[in-house]
Amino acid sequence: MTEQPPGDSDREMSPDPKEAGGRYHHGNLRTALLNRAIEVIDAEGVEGMSLRRLARDLGVSHAAPARHFPTKAALLSTIVKDAYLDLTATVVKAAAGDLDPKEAARREVKAAWQWAADHPARWSVMMNPDVSRFADEDLRLALAAFVDVAAKPLWRIKAAGQFATIPDDQLKLFAFGATIGIANALTDTLLKEFLSADDDGLLQENLASLLFPMM
């Protein structure tokens, strides 16, 4: 992944760099870089974010970000790793308690979809193909933890007698694919319009029930 200078954008401009710089306090540059990167991505997309741009916005030298993130890819990997850890914690909390496995699965996917809707900038980075190309070991471990959590209700459903002939790796693929695919449809502006996927309060509930019927 190469550094690209920020280009013109038809989207809403990002927050005032002076305001962003005012939020930076000495000794916490790593967090400031991550937060500012998410702000820029939210307004202008991944292509609008560069380490040089972040340094300028935060009022530090162009070399300063490299102390924490040697490349743009490293920064993006950290954003995605943290996002998967947060998403995993959200899903675990949603399915906590002594629940029927199908109810646990429904709660998990709804929590994941809502998390994506609440964090569109981070979600867009998680789906960026360059992040997959340059994923580091920490990101891979965070992704594996999320996939394992997403699949747990399916293991319980299988233990109860359903999906008995389906290999575990295919169940895991289904759990991940259903969660990610529908989240993409619910967060992408074009797909939402094309698929009429505006949430009317029942959309996520209905989709979860289609994936994991009550019977």
Protein backbone atom coordinates (compact mmCIF):
# COMPACT_ATOMS: atom_id res chain seq x y z
CA MET A 1 0.00 0.00 0.00
CA THR A 2 1.56 3.32 -1.01
CA GLU A 3 1.01 6.71 0.50
CA GLN A 4 -1.33 8.81 -1.60
CA PRO A 5 -1.76 12.59 -1.19
CA PRO A 6 -5.29 13.61 -0.30
CA GLY A 7 -7.30 14.34 -3.41
CA ASP A 8 -10.49 16.18 -4.17
CA SER A 9 -13.55 14.56 -2.66
CA ASP A 10 -17.22 14.91 -3.49
CA ARG A 11 -18.03 13.83 0.03
CA GLU A 12 -18.36 16.00 3.08
CA MET A 13 -15.04 17.50 4.12
CA SER A 14 -13.40 16.14 7.24
CA PRO A 15 -13.38 18.05 10.53
CA ASP A 16 -11.21 21.16 10.80
CA PRO A 17 -7.55 20.07 11.09
CA LYS A 18 -6.99 22.80 13.66
CA GLU A 19 -9.69 21.26 15.80
CA ALA A 20 -8.11 17.84 15.34
CA GLY A 21 -4.72 19.23 16.29
CA GLY A 22 -6.22 20.82 19.35
CA ARG A 23 -7.28 17.39 20.57
CA TYR A 24 -3.72 16.05 20.47
CA HIS A 25 -1.84 16.02 23.74
CA HIS A 26 1.84 15.25 23.99
CA GLY A 27 2.52 11.63 24.86
CA ASN A 28 -0.64 10.25 23.29
CA LEU A 29 0.24 10.55 19.62
CA ARG A 30 -0.63 6.93 18.80
CA THR A 31 -4.23 7.35 19.94
CA ALA A 32 -4.49 10.75 18.26
CA LEU A 33 -3.32 9.27 14.96
CA LEU A 34 -5.87 6.45 15.15
CA ASN A 35 -8.73 8.78 16.03
CA ARG A 36 -7.86 11.31 13.35
CA ALA A 37 -7.45 8.57 10.75
CA ILE A 38 -10.99 7.34 11.45
CA GLU A 39 -12.31 10.91 11.13
CA VAL A 40 -10.63 11.38 7.75
CA ILE A 41 -11.76 7.98 6.50
CA ASP A 42 -15.33 8.73 7.58
CA ALA A 43 -15.33 11.95 5.55
CA GLU A 44 -13.11 11.13 2.57
CA GLY A 45 -12.55 7.37 2.47
CA VAL A 46 -9.34 5.40 2.93
CA GLU A 47 -7.83 7.02 -0.16
CA GLY A 48 -8.02 10.44 1.52
CA MET A 49 -5.93 9.37 4.49
CA SER A 50 -2.13 9.38 4.58
CA LEU A 51 0.42 9.54 7.38
CA ARG A 52 1.63 12.89 6.07
CA ARG A 53 -1.94 14.20 6.12
CA LEU A 54 -2.44 13.03 9.69
CA ALA A 55 0.81 14.62 10.81
CA ARG A 56 -0.22 17.91 9.28
CA ASP A 57 -3.69 17.77 10.80
CA LEU A 58 -2.28 17.02 14.25
CA GLY A 59 0.45 19.62 14.06
CA VAL A 60 3.42 17.25 14.35
CA SER A 61 6.40 16.60 12.11
CA HIS A 62 5.95 14.43 9.05
CA ALA A 63 8.29 11.87 10.60
CA ALA A 64 6.43 11.65 13.92
CA PRO A 65 3.74 9.08 12.90
CA ALA A 66 6.44 6.59 11.87
CA ARG A 67 7.37 6.14 15.52
CA HIS A 68 4.07 4.31 15.94
CA PHE A 69 3.06 3.30 12.41
CA PRO A 70 5.85 2.87 9.85
CA THR A 71 3.36 2.69 6.97
CA LYS A 72 -0.23 3.50 6.17
CA ALA A 73 -0.86 -0.24 6.00
CA ALA A 74 0.35 -0.66 9.58
CA LEU A 75 -2.02 2.04 10.80
CA LEU A 76 -4.96 0.51 8.92
CA SER A 77 -4.15 -2.94 10.31
CA THR A 78 -4.25 -1.52 13.83
CA ILE A 79 -7.60 0.17 13.20
CA VAL A 80 -9.04 -3.11 11.93
CA LYS A 81 -7.52 -5.21 14.73
CA ASP A 82 -9.04 -2.88 17.34
CA ALA A 83 -12.33 -2.91 15.45
CA TYR A 84 -12.52 -6.71 15.43
CA LEU A 85 -11.72 -6.82 19.15
CA ASP A 86 -14.49 -4.30 19.87
CA LEU A 87 -16.92 -6.11 17.56
CA THR A 88 -16.14 -9.45 19.23
CA ALA A 89 -16.77 -8.01 22.69
CA THR A 90 -20.06 -6.54 21.48
CA VAL A 91 -21.20 -9.87 20.03
CA VAL A 92 -20.19 -11.79 23.16
CA LYS A 93 -22.15 -9.38 25.36
CA ALA A 94 -25.22 -9.62 23.14
CA ALA A 95 -25.34 -13.42 23.39
CA ALA A 96 -24.47 -13.69 27.08
CA GLY A 97 -26.57 -15.88 29.33
CA ASP A 98 -28.22 -19.27 29.10
CA LEU A 99 -29.82 -18.86 25.69
CA ASP A 100 -31.18 -21.29 23.15
CA PRO A 101 -28.39 -21.59 20.53
CA LYS A 102 -30.56 -20.20 17.74
CA GLU A 103 -31.54 -17.23 19.88
CA ALA A 104 -27.85 -16.71 20.69
CA ALA A 105 -27.04 -16.80 16.97
CA ARG A 106 -29.80 -14.30 16.18
CA ARG A 107 -28.58 -11.93 18.89
CA GLU A 108 -25.01 -12.21 17.67
CA VAL A 109 -25.74 -11.33 14.06
CA LYS A 110 -28.02 -8.45 15.04
CA ALA A 111 -25.35 -7.06 17.35
CA ALA A 112 -22.74 -7.32 14.58
CA TRP A 113 -24.99 -5.60 12.05
CA GLN A 114 -25.77 -2.80 14.48
CA TRP A 115 -22.09 -2.38 15.30
CA ALA A 116 -21.33 -1.96 11.60
CA ALA A 117 -24.11 0.61 11.24
CA ASP A 118 -22.81 2.52 14.28
CA HIS A 119 -19.17 2.52 13.06
CA PRO A 120 -19.30 2.97 9.27
CA ALA A 121 -15.77 4.35 8.93
CA ARG A 122 -14.17 1.49 10.82
CA TRP A 123 -16.35 -1.00 8.97
CA SER A 124 -15.23 0.38 5.62
CA VAL A 125 -11.60 -0.12 6.63
CA MET A 126 -12.33 -3.67 7.79
CA MET A 127 -13.66 -4.46 4.30
CA ASN A 128 -10.84 -2.72 2.43
CA PRO A 129 -8.93 -5.25 0.27
CA ASP A 130 -5.56 -3.61 0.98
CA VAL A 131 -6.02 -4.41 4.67
CA SER A 132 -6.29 -8.09 3.81
CA ARG A 133 -3.18 -7.89 1.63
CA PHE A 134 -1.08 -6.33 4.38
CA ALA A 135 -2.67 -7.94 7.45
CA ASP A 136 -0.24 -8.49 10.32
CA GLU A 137 -0.32 -11.28 12.89
CA ASP A 138 -2.22 -9.24 15.49
CA LEU A 139 -4.98 -8.54 12.99
CA ARG A 140 -5.15 -12.20 11.97
CA LEU A 141 -5.52 -13.25 15.61
CA ALA A 142 -8.29 -10.69 16.21
CA LEU A 143 -10.14 -11.86 13.10
CA ALA A 144 -9.82 -15.50 14.15
CA ALA A 145 -11.24 -14.68 17.58
CA PHE A 146 -14.26 -13.00 16.01
CA VAL A 147 -14.92 -15.88 13.63
CA ASP A 148 -14.71 -18.39 16.49
CA VAL A 149 -17.19 -16.40 18.57
CA ALA A 150 -19.57 -16.02 15.61
CA ALA A 151 -19.49 -19.79 15.03
CA LYS A 152 -20.07 -20.92 18.62
CA PRO A 153 -23.90 -20.94 18.45
CA LEU A 154 -23.62 -23.06 15.30
CA TRP A 155 -21.53 -25.64 17.15
CA ARG A 156 -24.31 -25.83 19.76
CA ILE A 157 -26.99 -26.12 17.08
CA LYS A 158 -24.98 -28.90 15.46
CA ALA A 159 -24.58 -30.68 18.81
CA ALA A 160 -28.37 -30.61 19.15
CA GLY A 161 -28.74 -32.55 15.91
CA GLN A 162 -29.00 -29.96 13.12
CA PHE A 163 -26.34 -29.38 10.48
CA ALA A 164 -24.95 -32.80 11.41
CA THR A 165 -23.59 -33.50 7.93
CA ILE A 166 -22.05 -30.07 7.37
CA PRO A 167 -18.30 -29.80 8.12
CA ASP A 168 -17.32 -27.39 10.87
CA ASP A 169 -15.25 -25.20 8.55
CA GLN A 170 -18.29 -24.71 6.31
CA LEU A 171 -20.43 -23.74 9.29
CA LYS A 172 -17.78 -21.21 10.24
CA LEU A 173 -17.79 -19.85 6.68
CA PHE A 174 -21.58 -19.52 6.82
CA ALA A 175 -21.49 -17.72 10.18
CA PHE A 176 -18.89 -15.25 8.98
CA GLY A 177 -20.31 -14.78 5.49
CA ALA A 178 -23.87 -14.17 6.66
CA THR A 179 -22.73 -11.65 9.24
CA ILE A 180 -20.35 -9.75 6.97
CA GLY A 181 -22.45 -9.91 3.81
CA ILE A 182 -25.61 -8.51 5.36
CA ALA A 183 -23.62 -5.89 7.29
CA ASN A 184 -22.16 -4.71 3.97
CA ALA A 185 -25.63 -4.46 2.47
CA LEU A 186 -26.87 -2.48 5.47
CA THR A 187 -23.96 -0.02 5.53
CA ASP A 188 -23.18 0.59 1.85
CA THR A 189 -25.15 3.57 0.54
CA LEU A 190 -25.63 2.16 -2.95
CA LEU A 191 -26.57 -1.32 -1.78
CA LYS A 192 -29.02 0.05 0.78
CA GLU A 193 -30.75 2.03 -1.95
CA PHE A 194 -30.69 -0.82 -4.48
CA LEU A 195 -31.92 -3.42 -1.98
CA SER A 196 -34.35 -1.11 -0.13
CA ALA A 197 -32.50 -1.98 3.06
CA ASP A 198 -33.52 0.93 5.26
CA ASP A 199 -34.11 -0.36 8.78
CA ASP A 200 -37.76 0.01 9.79
CA GLY A 201 -37.17 -1.41 13.25
CA LEU A 202 -37.89 -4.97 12.14
CA LEU A 203 -35.35 -5.41 9.35
CA GLN A 204 -32.55 -6.88 11.46
CA GLU A 205 -34.99 -9.04 13.42
CA ASN A 206 -36.50 -10.45 10.23
CA LEU A 207 -33.12 -11.11 8.64
CA ALA A 208 -31.86 -12.86 11.77
CA SER A 209 -34.96 -15.04 11.84
CA LEU A 210 -34.44 -15.97 8.20
CA LEU A 211 -30.89 -17.09 8.97
CA PHE A 212 -31.80 -18.92 12.17
CA PRO A 213 -35.52 -19.86 12.18
CA MET A 214 -37.25 -20.46 15.49
CA MET A 215 -38.08 -24.09 14.71
